[in-house]
């Protein structure tokens, strides 16, 4: 039986090449996943700005309920009042470039 396995050398080279190729593909796939995880880190810019604006609206209404005037409350949150409209402008700036800008324009209801 041993002699039969040793004599069958025709299949050794293709099987060895196939095994090496499979291992190489697996290593490349693992390296690809590792490198993509380090370079692509999503940053949800709009979500952070919207949360900040919602918090500012809540602060605005809090200041109104405490007794501040609309102008004073808007000034405290860094917004503008035009008539009965509250306008909040926020922007995300990275490396001195504006990436995203959001303007929130709402009616003030007392």
C-alpha atoms as a PDB file:
ATOM      1  CA  UNK A   1       0.000   0.000   0.000  1.00  0.00           C
ATOM      2  CA  UNK A   2       2.821   2.401   0.813  1.00  0.00           C
ATOM      3  CA  UNK A   3       4.426   1.855  -2.535  1.00  0.00           C
ATOM      4  CA  UNK A   4       1.208   2.781  -4.376  1.00  0.00           C
ATOM      5  CA  UNK A   5       0.932   6.160  -2.627  1.00  0.00           C
ATOM      6  CA  UNK A   6       4.559   7.045  -3.236  1.00  0.00           C
ATOM      7  CA  UNK A   7       4.432   6.055  -6.917  1.00  0.00           C
ATOM      8  CA  UNK A   8       1.429   8.289  -7.689  1.00  0.00           C
ATOM      9  CA  UNK A   9       3.364  11.518  -8.290  1.00  0.00           C
ATOM     10  CA  UNK A  10       1.235  12.824 -11.187  1.00  0.00           C
ATOM     11  CA  UNK A  11      -1.398  14.325  -8.863  1.00  0.00           C
ATOM     12  CA  UNK A  12       1.041  15.763  -6.315  1.00  0.00           C
ATOM     13  CA  UNK A  13       1.950  18.919  -8.245  1.00  0.00           C
ATOM     14  CA  UNK A  14      -1.604  20.065  -9.172  1.00  0.00           C
ATOM     15  CA  UNK A  15      -2.904  19.344  -5.664  1.00  0.00           C
ATOM     16  CA  UNK A  16       0.004  21.250  -4.112  1.00  0.00           C
ATOM     17  CA  UNK A  17      -0.560  24.213  -6.440  1.00  0.00           C
ATOM     18  CA  UNK A  18      -4.298  24.175  -5.642  1.00  0.00           C
ATOM     19  CA  UNK A  19      -3.623  24.141  -1.890  1.00  0.00           C
ATOM     20  CA  UNK A  20      -1.141  27.016  -2.177  1.00  0.00           C
ATOM     21  CA  UNK A  21      -3.626  29.060  -4.245  1.00  0.00           C
ATOM     22  CA  UNK A  22      -6.447  28.488  -1.739  1.00  0.00           C
ATOM     23  CA  UNK A  23      -4.228  29.590   1.154  1.00  0.00           C
ATOM     24  CA  UNK A  24      -3.072  32.655  -0.818  1.00  0.00           C
ATOM     25  CA  UNK A  25      -6.671  33.690  -1.603  1.00  0.00           C
ATOM     26  CA  UNK A  26      -7.665  33.314   2.052  1.00  0.00           C
ATOM     27  CA  UNK A  27      -4.713  35.432   3.188  1.00  0.00           C
ATOM     28  CA  UNK A  28      -5.544  38.134   0.604  1.00  0.00           C
ATOM     29  CA  UNK A  29      -9.193  38.170   1.723  1.00  0.00           C
ATOM     30  CA  UNK A  30      -8.213  38.567   5.381  1.00  0.00           C
ATOM     31  CA  UNK A  31      -5.760  41.360   4.565  1.00  0.00           C
ATOM     32  CA  UNK A  32      -8.415  43.080   2.453  1.00  0.00           C
ATOM     33  CA  UNK A  33     -10.901  43.100   5.350  1.00  0.00           C
ATOM     34  CA  UNK A  34      -8.274  44.345   7.791  1.00  0.00           C
ATOM     35  CA  UNK A  35      -7.171  47.206   5.556  1.00  0.00           C
ATOM     36  CA  UNK A  36     -10.719  48.311   4.683  1.00  0.00           C
ATOM     37  CA  UNK A  37     -11.652  48.451   8.352  1.00  0.00           C
ATOM     38  CA  UNK A  38      -8.819  50.856   9.081  1.00  0.00           C
ATOM     39  CA  UNK A  39      -9.481  53.323   6.255  1.00  0.00           C
ATOM     40  CA  UNK A  40     -13.292  53.486   6.136  1.00  0.00           C
ATOM     41  CA  UNK A  41     -14.672  54.815   9.361  1.00  0.00           C
ATOM     42  CA  UNK A  42     -18.080  56.316   8.639  1.00  0.00           C
ATOM     43  CA  UNK A  43     -18.860  59.665  10.159  1.00  0.00           C
ATOM     44  CA  UNK A  44     -22.511  60.555  10.151  1.00  0.00           C
ATOM     45  CA  UNK A  45     -22.129  64.309   9.898  1.00  0.00           C
ATOM     46  CA  UNK A  46     -25.759  65.191   9.314  1.00  0.00           C
ATOM     47  CA  UNK A  47     -27.004  63.167  12.264  1.00  0.00           C
ATOM     48  CA  UNK A  48     -24.795  65.039  14.736  1.00  0.00           C
ATOM     49  CA  UNK A  49     -25.860  68.412  13.381  1.00  0.00           C
ATOM     50  CA  UNK A  50     -29.553  67.508  13.480  1.00  0.00           C
ATOM     51  CA  UNK A  51     -29.201  66.322  17.083  1.00  0.00           C
ATOM     52  CA  UNK A  52     -27.485  69.603  17.958  1.00  0.00           C
ATOM     53  CA  UNK A  53     -30.266  71.612  16.300  1.00  0.00           C
ATOM     54  CA  UNK A  54     -32.979  69.603  18.087  1.00  0.00           C
ATOM     55  CA  UNK A  55     -31.219  70.224  21.396  1.00  0.00           C
ATOM     56  CA  UNK A  56     -31.074  73.945  20.601  1.00  0.00           C
ATOM     57  CA  UNK A  57     -34.811  74.027  19.840  1.00  0.00           C
ATOM     58  CA  UNK A  58     -35.484  72.365  23.194  1.00  0.00           C
ATOM     59  CA  UNK A  59     -33.245  74.930  24.921  1.00  0.00           C
ATOM     60  CA  UNK A  60     -35.050  77.741  23.088  1.00  0.00           C
ATOM     61  CA  UNK A  61     -38.458  76.599  24.354  1.00  0.00           C
ATOM     62  CA  UNK A  62     -37.005  76.066  27.823  1.00  0.00           C
ATOM     63  CA  UNK A  63     -35.769  79.681  27.877  1.00  0.00           C
ATOM     64  CA  UNK A  64     -39.183  80.876  26.692  1.00  0.00           C
ATOM     65  CA  UNK A  65     -40.909  78.929  29.482  1.00  0.00           C
ATOM     66  CA  UNK A  66     -38.515  80.326  32.083  1.00  0.00           C
ATOM     67  CA  UNK A  67     -39.441  83.871  31.076  1.00  0.00           C
ATOM     68  CA  UNK A  68     -36.892  85.061  28.531  1.00  0.00           C
ATOM     69  CA  UNK A  69     -38.084  86.954  25.471  1.00  0.00           C
ATOM     70  CA  UNK A  70     -37.828  85.330  22.053  1.00  0.00           C
ATOM     71  CA  UNK A  71     -34.838  87.506  21.120  1.00  0.00           C
ATOM     72  CA  UNK A  72     -32.974  86.669  24.335  1.00  0.00           C
ATOM     73  CA  UNK A  73     -33.681  82.943  23.991  1.00  0.00           C
ATOM     74  CA  UNK A  74     -32.537  82.945  20.360  1.00  0.00           C
ATOM     75  CA  UNK A  75     -29.366  84.801  21.298  1.00  0.00           C
ATOM     76  CA  UNK A  76     -28.583  82.236  24.018  1.00  0.00           C
ATOM     77  CA  UNK A  77     -28.667  79.339  21.533  1.00  0.00           C
ATOM     78  CA  UNK A  78     -26.919  81.241  18.724  1.00  0.00           C
ATOM     79  CA  UNK A  79     -29.941  81.596  16.440  1.00  0.00           C
ATOM     80  CA  UNK A  80     -31.797  84.440  14.756  1.00  0.00           C
ATOM     81  CA  UNK A  81     -35.419  85.591  15.021  1.00  0.00           C
ATOM     82  CA  UNK A  82     -37.100  87.069  11.953  1.00  0.00           C
ATOM     83  CA  UNK A  83     -40.682  87.949  12.733  1.00  0.00           C
ATOM     84  CA  UNK A  84     -42.189  84.806  14.217  1.00  0.00           C
ATOM     85  CA  UNK A  85     -39.548  82.508  12.622  1.00  0.00           C
ATOM     86  CA  UNK A  86     -36.604  80.933  14.456  1.00  0.00           C
ATOM     87  CA  UNK A  87     -33.616  80.318  12.164  1.00  0.00           C
ATOM     88  CA  UNK A  88     -30.748  78.088  13.315  1.00  0.00           C
ATOM     89  CA  UNK A  89     -27.701  77.679  11.060  1.00  0.00           C
ATOM     90  CA  UNK A  90     -25.131  74.986  11.813  1.00  0.00           C
ATOM     91  CA  UNK A  91     -22.230  73.691   9.729  1.00  0.00           C
ATOM     92  CA  UNK A  92     -19.609  70.952  10.017  1.00  0.00           C
ATOM     93  CA  UNK A  93     -16.173  72.339   9.111  1.00  0.00           C
ATOM     94  CA  UNK A  94     -13.119  70.117   8.628  1.00  0.00           C
ATOM     95  CA  UNK A  95      -9.727  71.485   7.571  1.00  0.00           C
ATOM     96  CA  UNK A  96     -11.240  74.925   6.986  1.00  0.00           C
ATOM     97  CA  UNK A  97     -13.738  73.482   4.472  1.00  0.00           C
ATOM     98  CA  UNK A  98     -17.478  73.443   5.058  1.00  0.00           C
ATOM     99  CA  UNK A  99     -18.563  69.843   4.564  1.00  0.00           C
ATOM    100  CA  UNK A 100     -22.239  70.110   5.425  1.00  0.00           C
ATOM    101  CA  UNK A 101     -24.503  72.985   6.377  1.00  0.00           C
ATOM    102  CA  UNK A 102     -28.018  72.815   7.796  1.00  0.00           C
ATOM    103  CA  UNK A 103     -30.488  75.689   8.170  1.00  0.00           C
ATOM    104  CA  UNK A 104     -33.433  75.004  10.449  1.00  0.00           C
ATOM    105  CA  UNK A 105     -36.309  77.418   9.923  1.00  0.00           C
ATOM    106  CA  UNK A 106     -39.400  77.070  12.128  1.00  0.00           C
ATOM    107  CA  UNK A 107     -42.346  79.035  13.406  1.00  0.00           C
ATOM    108  CA  UNK A 108     -42.221  80.014  17.036  1.00  0.00           C
ATOM    109  CA  UNK A 109     -45.318  78.754  18.812  1.00  0.00           C
ATOM    110  CA  UNK A 110     -45.990  79.871  22.351  1.00  0.00           C
END
